[in-house]
């Protein structure tokens, strides 16, 4: 390995072969250093676990810079005016805000998104997972993504929000179009789809919120309307952005964790056999290990708000970091034999749900969903097997499978 590495020779997120298996390249990036400037996106790649974990908590970094600087002051161009609907929707969500605004919104959302709320959904999640798996089994198999992995988390979030069942088919296409903007260097076609989905989703939620103002229920939207603290409540735009964030973040990762996880199990038959032999004992650690082993969110970005130094290199204000979650989760400095799937792994400090102030508020619900679908599949389809090699999505940042054909 040469002393100086050209990251673009290894990190090729538009290459289907890289997307299919980025982990060998990650290994070389970690060996070569702690930070690598990647010219195609103008970002610094951060591949090691200790750095990623620390930088997620470093307040010299931010998901946005607009709480401190204008675009001009930060040396960045403002988004094109035609993208404004997407940015209005995205930039008012917790994930892309910094304290004190982030603190206020997260505290108010937490009043509606409580552990009791999640626990109250457990029976619904288990029953829905069981029904979806029974349908798959009755047909002798099918696409695990379309039949189980996708419909479960979408229905759960819709149930939480209070979206009527008749409207739920609208949600996944809107979410997929908006999430396209989180890939590296999205095209204008991708942006146009995201803008259109943002406008339609916003209009739909504005009407639903108005309905709940007049006739509140026990759903999350009613809870967000009622959330109030120190004379402050959520604005309508903040409620809309929060609902979209909860849907997008609340199902995209779960869909991909389910599909990636079962594909990993099929490729590791000894581990799958151990899971089948002791589901109650292994499911809790299996969920965490599968999130680590093939991470659904591969990259998370942070803006440098004040100069930082990594490994003797000064990274100036105005730069952007690409924190490589997938690489961090395979770092041998943090995990014993990281390339092996070990469903009984106890020491597992994976960062698939992030860290710091932006730690995933929906992580407890995601764990409930992943455990429920796994338990139902192990019980109802004890001989579940891969029917053919899966078709992988070409997306890198939110990385998963287009389909996973199985037989029972």
Protein backbone atom coordinates (compact mmCIF):
# COMPACT_ATOMS: atom_id res chain seq x y z
CA UNK A 1 0.00 0.00 0.00
CA UNK A 2 1.57 3.32 -1.00
CA UNK A 3 1.93 6.08 1.58
CA UNK A 4 -0.44 8.33 -0.36
CA UNK A 5 -3.76 6.90 -1.42
CA UNK A 6 -5.99 8.14 -4.22
CA UNK A 7 -9.43 7.55 -2.66
CA UNK A 8 -11.26 7.62 -5.99
CA UNK A 9 -9.38 4.47 -6.98
CA UNK A 10 -11.08 2.62 -4.10
CA UNK A 11 -14.24 4.50 -3.22
CA UNK A 12 -16.46 4.16 -6.30
CA UNK A 13 -20.07 4.51 -5.11
CA UNK A 14 -21.52 4.55 -8.63
CA UNK A 15 -19.92 1.18 -9.47
CA UNK A 16 -22.39 -1.71 -8.97
CA UNK A 17 -19.54 -4.04 -7.94
CA UNK A 18 -18.47 -1.62 -5.21
CA UNK A 19 -22.05 -1.16 -4.02
CA UNK A 20 -22.48 -4.94 -3.89
CA UNK A 21 -19.49 -5.30 -1.54
CA UNK A 22 -17.77 -2.11 -0.34
CA UNK A 23 -16.08 -3.75 2.63
CA UNK A 24 -12.72 -4.73 1.03
CA UNK A 25 -12.27 -1.13 -0.14
CA UNK A 26 -13.15 0.12 3.32
CA UNK A 27 -10.41 -2.07 4.77
CA UNK A 28 -7.82 -0.45 2.52
CA UNK A 29 -9.12 3.04 3.35
CA UNK A 30 -8.80 2.34 7.08
CA UNK A 31 -5.29 0.97 6.66
CA UNK A 32 -4.22 4.00 4.62
CA UNK A 33 -5.28 6.64 7.14
CA UNK A 34 -7.97 8.37 9.13
CA UNK A 35 -9.14 10.95 6.58
CA UNK A 36 -9.04 11.00 2.78
CA UNK A 37 -10.08 13.86 0.52
CA UNK A 38 -12.46 12.58 -2.15
CA UNK A 39 -12.47 14.99 -5.09
CA UNK A 40 -15.59 13.72 -6.95
CA UNK A 41 -17.87 14.94 -4.15
CA UNK A 42 -15.51 17.40 -2.43
CA UNK A 43 -15.79 15.47 0.85
CA UNK A 44 -13.40 14.02 3.41
CA UNK A 45 -13.94 10.27 3.86
CA UNK A 46 -13.67 9.13 7.49
CA UNK A 47 -13.38 5.32 7.63
CA UNK A 48 -12.35 4.40 11.21
CA UNK A 49 -14.77 3.59 14.03
CA UNK A 50 -13.16 5.73 16.73
CA UNK A 51 -13.16 8.80 14.50
CA UNK A 52 -16.72 8.31 13.24
CA UNK A 53 -18.04 7.76 16.78
CA UNK A 54 -16.22 10.83 18.10
CA UNK A 55 -17.14 13.11 15.20
CA UNK A 56 -20.83 12.25 15.49
CA UNK A 57 -20.64 13.85 18.95
CA UNK A 58 -18.33 16.73 18.03
CA UNK A 59 -20.15 20.07 18.24
CA UNK A 60 -17.62 21.66 15.87
CA UNK A 61 -19.56 19.77 13.20
CA UNK A 62 -23.17 20.10 12.15
CA UNK A 63 -25.83 18.67 9.91
CA UNK A 64 -26.43 22.25 8.81
CA UNK A 65 -24.44 25.47 8.97
CA UNK A 66 -27.29 27.92 8.48
CA UNK A 67 -27.74 28.42 12.23
CA UNK A 68 -24.34 30.14 12.21
CA UNK A 69 -23.50 31.21 8.66
CA UNK A 70 -25.10 32.26 5.42
CA UNK A 71 -24.30 30.23 2.32
CA UNK A 72 -21.91 32.96 1.20
CA UNK A 73 -20.12 33.15 4.56
CA UNK A 74 -19.66 29.40 4.53
CA UNK A 75 -18.33 29.38 0.98
CA UNK A 76 -21.20 27.31 -0.38
CA UNK A 77 -23.71 28.01 -3.11
CA UNK A 78 -27.37 28.19 -2.15
CA UNK A 79 -29.53 25.36 -3.52
CA UNK A 80 -31.20 26.09 -6.86
CA UNK A 81 -34.54 27.88 -6.41
CA UNK A 82 -36.36 25.07 -8.20
CA UNK A 83 -35.28 22.67 -5.40
CA UNK A 84 -36.87 24.88 -2.69
CA UNK A 85 -39.86 22.59 -1.87
CA UNK A 86 -37.51 19.72 -1.07
CA UNK A 87 -35.25 21.87 1.10
CA UNK A 88 -38.16 23.48 2.97
CA UNK A 89 -39.39 20.00 3.83
CA UNK A 90 -35.99 18.48 4.56
CA UNK A 91 -34.34 21.38 6.35
CA UNK A 92 -37.09 21.74 8.96
CA UNK A 93 -36.73 18.15 10.15
CA UNK A 94 -34.75 17.24 13.27
CA UNK A 95 -32.12 15.37 11.34
CA UNK A 96 -30.97 18.49 9.51
CA UNK A 97 -31.19 20.98 12.36
CA UNK A 98 -28.77 21.91 15.12
CA UNK A 99 -29.32 23.18 18.68
CA UNK A 100 -31.13 25.15 19.94
CA UNK A 101 -33.81 24.54 17.27
CA UNK A 102 -33.04 20.81 17.14
CA UNK A 103 -33.22 20.56 20.93
CA UNK A 104 -36.63 22.24 21.06
CA UNK A 105 -38.16 20.10 18.30
CA UNK A 106 -36.70 16.81 19.54
CA UNK A 107 -37.95 17.48 23.07
CA UNK A 108 -41.45 18.19 21.77
CA UNK A 109 -41.42 15.17 19.45
CA UNK A 110 -40.24 12.99 22.33
CA UNK A 111 -43.43 13.93 24.22
CA UNK A 112 -45.43 12.20 21.50
CA UNK A 113 -42.85 9.54 20.54
CA UNK A 114 -42.45 7.92 23.97
CA UNK A 115 -41.27 4.45 25.05
CA UNK A 116 -44.88 3.86 26.06
CA UNK A 117 -45.99 4.67 22.49
CA UNK A 118 -43.48 2.16 21.10
CA UNK A 119 -44.45 -0.50 23.63
CA UNK A 120 -48.11 0.06 22.81
CA UNK A 121 -47.35 -0.81 19.19
CA UNK A 122 -45.63 -4.10 19.99
CA UNK A 123 -48.76 -6.25 19.67
CA UNK A 124 -49.73 -4.55 16.40
CA UNK A 125 -46.22 -5.05 15.00
CA UNK A 126 -46.11 -8.72 15.99
CA UNK A 127 -49.55 -9.45 14.56
CA UNK A 128 -48.82 -7.62 11.31
CA UNK A 129 -45.46 -9.37 10.88
CA UNK A 130 -47.13 -12.72 11.46
CA UNK A 131 -49.88 -11.96 8.93
CA UNK A 132 -47.39 -10.87 6.27
CA UNK A 133 -45.28 -13.98 6.76
CA UNK A 134 -48.35 -16.25 6.68
CA UNK A 135 -49.23 -14.73 3.31
CA UNK A 136 -45.71 -15.35 2.02
CA UNK A 137 -45.81 -18.96 3.22
CA UNK A 138 -49.25 -19.58 1.72
CA UNK A 139 -47.85 -18.63 -1.68
CA UNK A 140 -44.82 -20.88 -1.27
CA UNK A 141 -42.48 -17.89 -1.13
CA UNK A 142 -41.90 -14.75 -3.15
CA UNK A 143 -40.06 -11.48 -2.82
CA UNK A 144 -39.21 -10.99 0.85
CA UNK A 145 -38.66 -7.27 0.26
CA UNK A 146 -42.07 -6.58 -1.27
CA UNK A 147 -43.99 -9.07 0.90
CA UNK A 148 -42.51 -8.46 4.37
CA UNK A 149 -39.57 -6.04 4.60
CA UNK A 150 -41.35 -3.04 3.02
CA UNK A 151 -44.97 -3.29 4.11
CA UNK A 152 -44.25 -3.88 7.80
CA UNK A 153 -42.41 -0.64 8.74
CA UNK A 154 -44.50 1.51 6.36
CA UNK A 155 -47.72 0.24 7.95
CA UNK A 156 -46.34 0.72 11.46
CA UNK A 157 -45.29 4.34 10.88
CA UNK A 158 -48.58 5.04 9.11
CA UNK A 159 -50.42 3.54 12.07
CA UNK A 160 -48.45 5.74 14.46
CA UNK A 161 -49.10 8.86 12.45
CA UNK A 162 -52.77 8.08 11.96
CA UNK A 163 -52.67 7.81 8.17
CA UNK A 164 -55.85 6.07 6.95
CA UNK A 165 -55.25 2.63 5.43
CA UNK A 166 -56.65 3.75 2.08
CA UNK A 167 -53.93 6.41 1.79
CA UNK A 168 -50.96 4.28 2.81
CA UNK A 169 -49.97 3.18 -0.72
CA UNK A 170 -49.02 6.83 -1.35
CA UNK A 171 -46.32 6.87 1.31
CA UNK A 172 -43.63 4.54 -0.02
CA UNK A 173 -43.34 6.19 -3.48
CA UNK A 174 -43.13 9.65 -1.89
CA UNK A 175 -40.49 8.44 0.53
CA UNK A 176 -38.41 6.72 -2.17
CA UNK A 177 -38.44 9.86 -4.33
CA UNK A 178 -37.40 12.13 -1.46
CA UNK A 179 -34.67 9.76 -0.25
CA UNK A 180 -33.09 9.82 -3.70
CA UNK A 181 -31.69 13.24 -2.75
CA UNK A 182 -29.57 11.68 -0.02
CA UNK A 183 -27.37 9.85 -2.51
CA UNK A 184 -24.07 11.36 -3.60
CA UNK A 185 -24.38 13.89 -6.44
CA UNK A 186 -28.08 13.29 -7.24
CA UNK A 187 -29.13 14.04 -10.81
CA UNK A 188 -31.55 16.76 -11.86
CA UNK A 189 -34.07 14.04 -12.67
CA UNK A 190 -33.74 12.72 -9.12
CA UNK A 191 -34.15 16.27 -7.78
CA UNK A 192 -37.28 16.84 -9.86
CA UNK A 193 -38.86 13.66 -8.50
CA UNK A 194 -37.96 14.69 -4.95
CA UNK A 195 -39.44 18.17 -5.42
CA UNK A 196 -42.68 16.75 -6.81
CA UNK A 197 -42.95 14.24 -3.96
CA UNK A 198 -42.19 16.97 -1.41
CA UNK A 199 -45.02 19.13 -2.71
CA UNK A 200 -47.51 16.26 -2.79
CA UNK A 201 -46.52 14.87 0.61
CA UNK A 202 -46.62 18.34 2.20
CA UNK A 203 -50.09 19.04 0.80
CA UNK A 204 -51.35 15.67 2.03
CA UNK A 205 -49.98 16.15 5.56
CA UNK A 206 -51.21 19.73 5.80
CA UNK A 207 -54.74 18.47 5.16
CA UNK A 208 -54.34 15.58 7.62
CA UNK A 209 -53.02 17.92 10.33
CA UNK A 210 -55.97 20.24 9.80
CA UNK A 211 -58.33 17.28 10.21
CA UNK A 212 -56.61 16.26 13.46
CA UNK A 213 -56.81 19.81 14.84
CA UNK A 214 -60.58 19.59 14.60
CA UNK A 215 -60.84 15.95 15.64
CA UNK A 216 -57.78 14.78 17.60
CA UNK A 217 -57.15 11.10 18.18
CA UNK A 218 -54.54 8.96 19.91
CA UNK A 219 -52.17 9.07 16.92
CA UNK A 220 -48.76 10.74 16.70
CA UNK A 221 -49.97 13.69 14.62
CA UNK A 222 -52.50 14.54 17.31
CA UNK A 223 -49.70 14.20 19.85
CA UNK A 224 -47.45 16.55 17.88
CA UNK A 225 -50.25 19.12 17.68
CA UNK A 226 -50.73 18.89 21.46
CA UNK A 227 -47.00 18.89 22.34
CA UNK A 228 -46.26 22.07 24.26
CA UNK A 229 -43.44 23.18 26.54
CA UNK A 230 -42.29 26.52 27.96
CA UNK A 231 -44.77 28.42 25.82
CA UNK A 232 -43.57 26.72 22.63
CA UNK A 233 -45.18 24.29 20.24
CA UNK A 234 -44.32 22.91 16.81
CA UNK A 235 -45.08 25.05 13.78
CA UNK A 236 -47.10 23.45 11.00
CA UNK A 237 -43.97 23.14 8.83
CA UNK A 238 -42.05 21.54 11.69
CA UNK A 239 -44.87 19.02 12.16
CA UNK A 240 -44.96 18.24 8.44
CA UNK A 241 -41.18 17.83 8.26
CA UNK A 242 -41.18 15.69 11.39
CA UNK A 243 -43.83 13.35 9.99
CA UNK A 244 -41.91 12.93 6.74
CA UNK A 245 -38.66 12.32 8.62
CA UNK A 246 -40.28 9.70 10.84
CA UNK A 247 -41.64 7.92 7.78
CA UNK A 248 -38.45 8.09 5.74
CA UNK A 249 -36.00 7.30 8.52
CA UNK A 250 -38.46 4.98 10.21
CA UNK A 251 -38.83 2.58 7.34
CA UNK A 252 -35.93 2.94 4.86
CA UNK A 253 -33.37 1.61 7.34
CA UNK A 254 -35.68 -1.15 8.55
CA UNK A 255 -36.50 -2.32 5.03
CA UNK A 256 -32.83 -2.56 4.12
CA UNK A 257 -31.76 -4.05 7.44
CA UNK A 258 -34.35 -6.82 6.99
CA UNK A 259 -33.34 -7.63 3.40
CA UNK A 260 -29.60 -7.27 3.94
CA UNK A 261 -29.89 -9.29 7.13
CA UNK A 262 -31.67 -12.27 5.60
CA UNK A 263 -29.31 -12.29 2.65
CA UNK A 264 -26.42 -12.39 5.13
CA UNK A 265 -28.09 -15.29 6.97
CA UNK A 266 -28.53 -17.27 3.75
CA UNK A 267 -24.81 -16.79 3.02
CA UNK A 268 -23.89 -17.95 6.55
CA UNK A 269 -25.84 -21.21 6.97
CA UNK A 270 -24.18 -22.18 10.26
CA UNK A 271 -25.30 -18.92 11.85
CA UNK A 272 -28.81 -19.33 10.43
CA UNK A 273 -28.96 -22.86 11.86
CA UNK A 274 -27.91 -21.56 15.28
CA UNK A 275 -30.63 -18.88 15.10
CA UNK A 276 -33.26 -21.45 14.18
CA UNK A 277 -32.15 -23.65 17.07
CA UNK A 278 -32.38 -20.85 19.67
CA UNK A 279 -34.47 -17.95 18.38
CA UNK A 280 -35.43 -16.58 21.80
CA UNK A 281 -31.83 -16.57 22.96
CA UNK A 282 -30.27 -15.16 19.79
CA UNK A 283 -32.77 -12.71 18.27
CA UNK A 284 -31.76 -9.73 20.47
CA UNK A 285 -28.07 -9.97 19.59
CA UNK A 286 -28.82 -11.11 16.03
CA UNK A 287 -30.70 -7.87 15.32
CA UNK A 288 -27.70 -5.82 16.46
CA UNK A 289 -25.19 -7.97 14.60
CA UNK A 290 -27.10 -7.89 11.32
CA UNK A 291 -27.35 -4.08 11.58
CA UNK A 292 -23.57 -4.02 11.98
CA UNK A 293 -22.59 -6.69 9.49
CA UNK A 294 -24.30 -5.17 6.46
CA UNK A 295 -25.15 -1.61 7.44
CA UNK A 296 -28.30 -0.18 5.80
CA UNK A 297 -27.09 3.46 6.00
CA UNK A 298 -23.53 3.46 4.70
CA UNK A 299 -22.64 7.14 4.91
CA UNK A 300 -23.66 10.13 7.01
CA UNK A 301 -22.55 13.68 6.28
CA UNK A 302 -21.40 16.49 8.57
CA UNK A 303 -20.36 20.08 7.84
CA UNK A 304 -17.19 21.41 9.47
CA UNK A 305 -18.28 24.54 11.38
CA UNK A 306 -14.87 25.21 12.96
CA UNK A 307 -11.47 23.96 11.82
CA UNK A 308 -10.67 20.46 13.03
CA UNK A 309 -7.54 18.33 12.84
CA UNK A 310 -7.51 14.64 12.03
CA UNK A 311 -4.27 12.70 11.98
CA UNK A 312 -2.21 15.87 11.60
CA UNK A 313 -4.36 17.19 8.73
CA UNK A 314 -6.29 20.42 9.23
CA UNK A 315 -9.77 20.21 7.76
CA UNK A 316 -11.01 23.79 7.44
CA UNK A 317 -14.39 25.31 8.16
CA UNK A 318 -16.67 24.92 5.16
CA UNK A 319 -15.55 21.36 4.42
CA UNK A 320 -17.86 18.37 4.45
CA UNK A 321 -17.14 15.03 6.07
CA UNK A 322 -18.53 11.71 4.83
CA UNK A 323 -18.62 9.46 7.90
CA UNK A 324 -18.47 5.90 6.59
CA UNK A 325 -20.77 3.93 8.88
CA UNK A 326 -20.27 0.69 6.97
CA UNK A 327 -16.51 0.97 7.29
CA UNK A 328 -16.66 1.91 10.96
CA UNK A 329 -18.84 -1.13 11.65
CA UNK A 330 -16.12 -3.38 10.18
CA UNK A 331 -13.15 -1.78 11.93
CA UNK A 332 -11.00 -4.47 13.64
CA UNK A 333 -9.96 -1.86 16.20
CA UNK A 334 -13.55 -1.92 17.49
CA UNK A 335 -14.77 -5.45 16.65
CA UNK A 336 -13.22 -8.90 16.97
CA UNK A 337 -13.21 -10.60 13.55
CA UNK A 338 -15.45 -7.92 12.02
CA UNK A 339 -15.73 -9.71 8.68
CA UNK A 340 -17.45 -12.68 10.34
CA UNK A 341 -21.15 -12.81 11.09
CA UNK A 342 -21.53 -13.70 14.78
CA UNK A 343 -25.15 -13.59 15.91
CA UNK A 344 -24.10 -14.12 19.53
CA UNK A 345 -21.75 -11.10 19.49
CA UNK A 346 -22.09 -9.27 22.81
CA UNK A 347 -19.49 -6.54 22.51
CA UNK A 348 -21.10 -4.73 19.59
CA UNK A 349 -20.70 -0.91 19.61
CA UNK A 350 -22.10 -0.52 16.09
CA UNK A 351 -23.13 2.97 15.02
CA UNK A 352 -25.90 2.06 12.60
CA UNK A 353 -28.32 4.31 14.52
CA UNK A 354 -25.82 7.18 14.76
CA UNK A 355 -24.68 8.87 17.98
CA UNK A 356 -24.82 12.20 19.74
CA UNK A 357 -27.73 14.64 19.51
CA UNK A 358 -28.90 13.10 16.23
CA UNK A 359 -29.06 9.53 17.52
CA UNK A 360 -32.06 7.86 15.86
CA UNK A 361 -35.18 8.59 17.92
CA UNK A 362 -36.86 5.61 16.25
CA UNK A 363 -34.19 3.04 17.14
CA UNK A 364 -36.36 1.26 19.75
CA UNK A 365 -39.20 0.88 17.23
CA UNK A 366 -36.82 -0.37 14.53
CA UNK A 367 -35.56 -3.05 16.91
CA UNK A 368 -39.12 -4.15 17.68
CA UNK A 369 -39.92 -4.40 13.96
CA UNK A 370 -36.74 -6.28 13.05
CA UNK A 371 -37.24 -8.77 15.89
CA UNK A 372 -40.92 -9.26 15.00
CA UNK A 373 -40.33 -10.09 11.33
CA UNK A 374 -37.38 -12.33 12.20
CA UNK A 375 -39.39 -14.22 14.81
CA UNK A 376 -42.34 -14.68 12.45
CA UNK A 377 -40.15 -15.94 9.60
CA UNK A 378 -38.30 -18.38 11.86
CA UNK A 379 -41.60 -19.72 13.23
CA UNK A 380 -43.73 -19.83 10.08
CA UNK A 381 -41.02 -20.60 7.52
CA UNK A 382 -38.46 -22.79 9.32
CA UNK A 383 -36.91 -23.96 6.04
CA UNK A 384 -36.86 -20.54 4.35
CA UNK A 385 -34.20 -20.51 1.63
CA UNK A 386 -32.88 -18.30 -1.14
CA UNK A 387 -34.59 -18.95 -4.48
CA UNK A 388 -32.03 -17.06 -6.54
CA UNK A 389 -29.35 -14.43 -6.11
CA UNK A 390 -30.98 -11.12 -5.23
CA UNK A 391 -31.18 -7.99 -7.29
CA UNK A 392 -29.35 -5.18 -5.50
CA UNK A 393 -30.39 -1.55 -5.54
CA UNK A 394 -27.86 0.74 -7.22
CA UNK A 395 -28.09 3.20 -4.32
CA UNK A 396 -25.03 3.38 -2.10
CA UNK A 397 -25.87 5.67 0.81
CA UNK A 398 -29.17 3.94 1.64
CA UNK A 399 -27.99 0.50 0.59
CA UNK A 400 -30.20 -2.52 0.16
CA UNK A 401 -31.83 -5.00 -2.19
CA UNK A 402 -34.48 -4.39 -4.81
CA UNK A 403 -35.78 -7.89 -4.26
CA UNK A 404 -34.93 -11.04 -2.32
CA UNK A 405 -36.69 -14.06 -3.80
CA UNK A 406 -37.22 -16.87 -1.27
CA UNK A 407 -38.85 -20.29 -1.09
CA UNK A 408 -40.43 -21.92 1.96
